């Protein structure tokens, strides 16, 4: 299988030859941020939103990004063009760069852009829904998409051992905030409820909130663990898997244990929006 082509600090290289200096602060200290978007039929989905979120993450940890928004977008498109995947993820990573004292940034951040193909989505995931678990986690800077993922990796491994797809975080107030790689929503009557604080503002989350009215009243507020028994439906959102119905949280069954019609309705609207955006970017030849 042919290796994908990545962008690494000014050069385009095969994935198996991509490398960073061993004294890079991303390796030494986990000092860095990233963002991931996807393409549909070769078209990047909400590229500007993802690049701006990358820049916002970097600002919150005082990580210099010397490239403009437009330069980052152009580099992402160029990396995509050097690969031939219709449906792919585009992962931007910015680290603190090499450090002679192994601690202090020296104004030479590293930039990597990785393009990898997305396997076809298993539609049974939407027909049957998924189980998720919850884990208590004290999180530092949850609004930063940091490369430091120790807690998330451990939580996902625990979730997988319990037969779950994802792990949701709970805070000290016993509120469910978001998943390790997803945002979290519940539906009660015609109210769409999602946490607004201590969460990373996902782009799929943003689009879902844009598409919800007038069918749903959007309520950004905390979701307490104890109220999950009484919601009608629940779902998680992610860049690669879109909207996934949640039918079980820990030992709690959501609704009747099957994906509900309102999540399906929202997901259909999301896919129609994606199709519209893809069609606008690739108009038919007349």
Foldseek 3Di string as FASTA:
>chain_A
DFFAWKDKFHDIDGPVPDDAPCQFLCNLPLAKAKFKAKAAQLHTDPLLVRLVLRVVLCVVVVADDPDDSVRVSVNQSVSSVSDDERIKMKMWMKTLGGDPVSDDRDPRIMIMIDIDHFPDDDCVQAFQFWEEEEDEDDDDPQQHRTSDQPVQVVRCVVRVVVVGRWYFYAYPQQWTAQTSAWFKWFAADQEIEGADPSHHDDPLNVVLVVQSPPSHHYDHHTHHPVCQLPTQWMWIAHNNRRTGTHQYYDHHGHHPSTHDPVSVVSSVSVVVVSVVVVCVVPPDDD
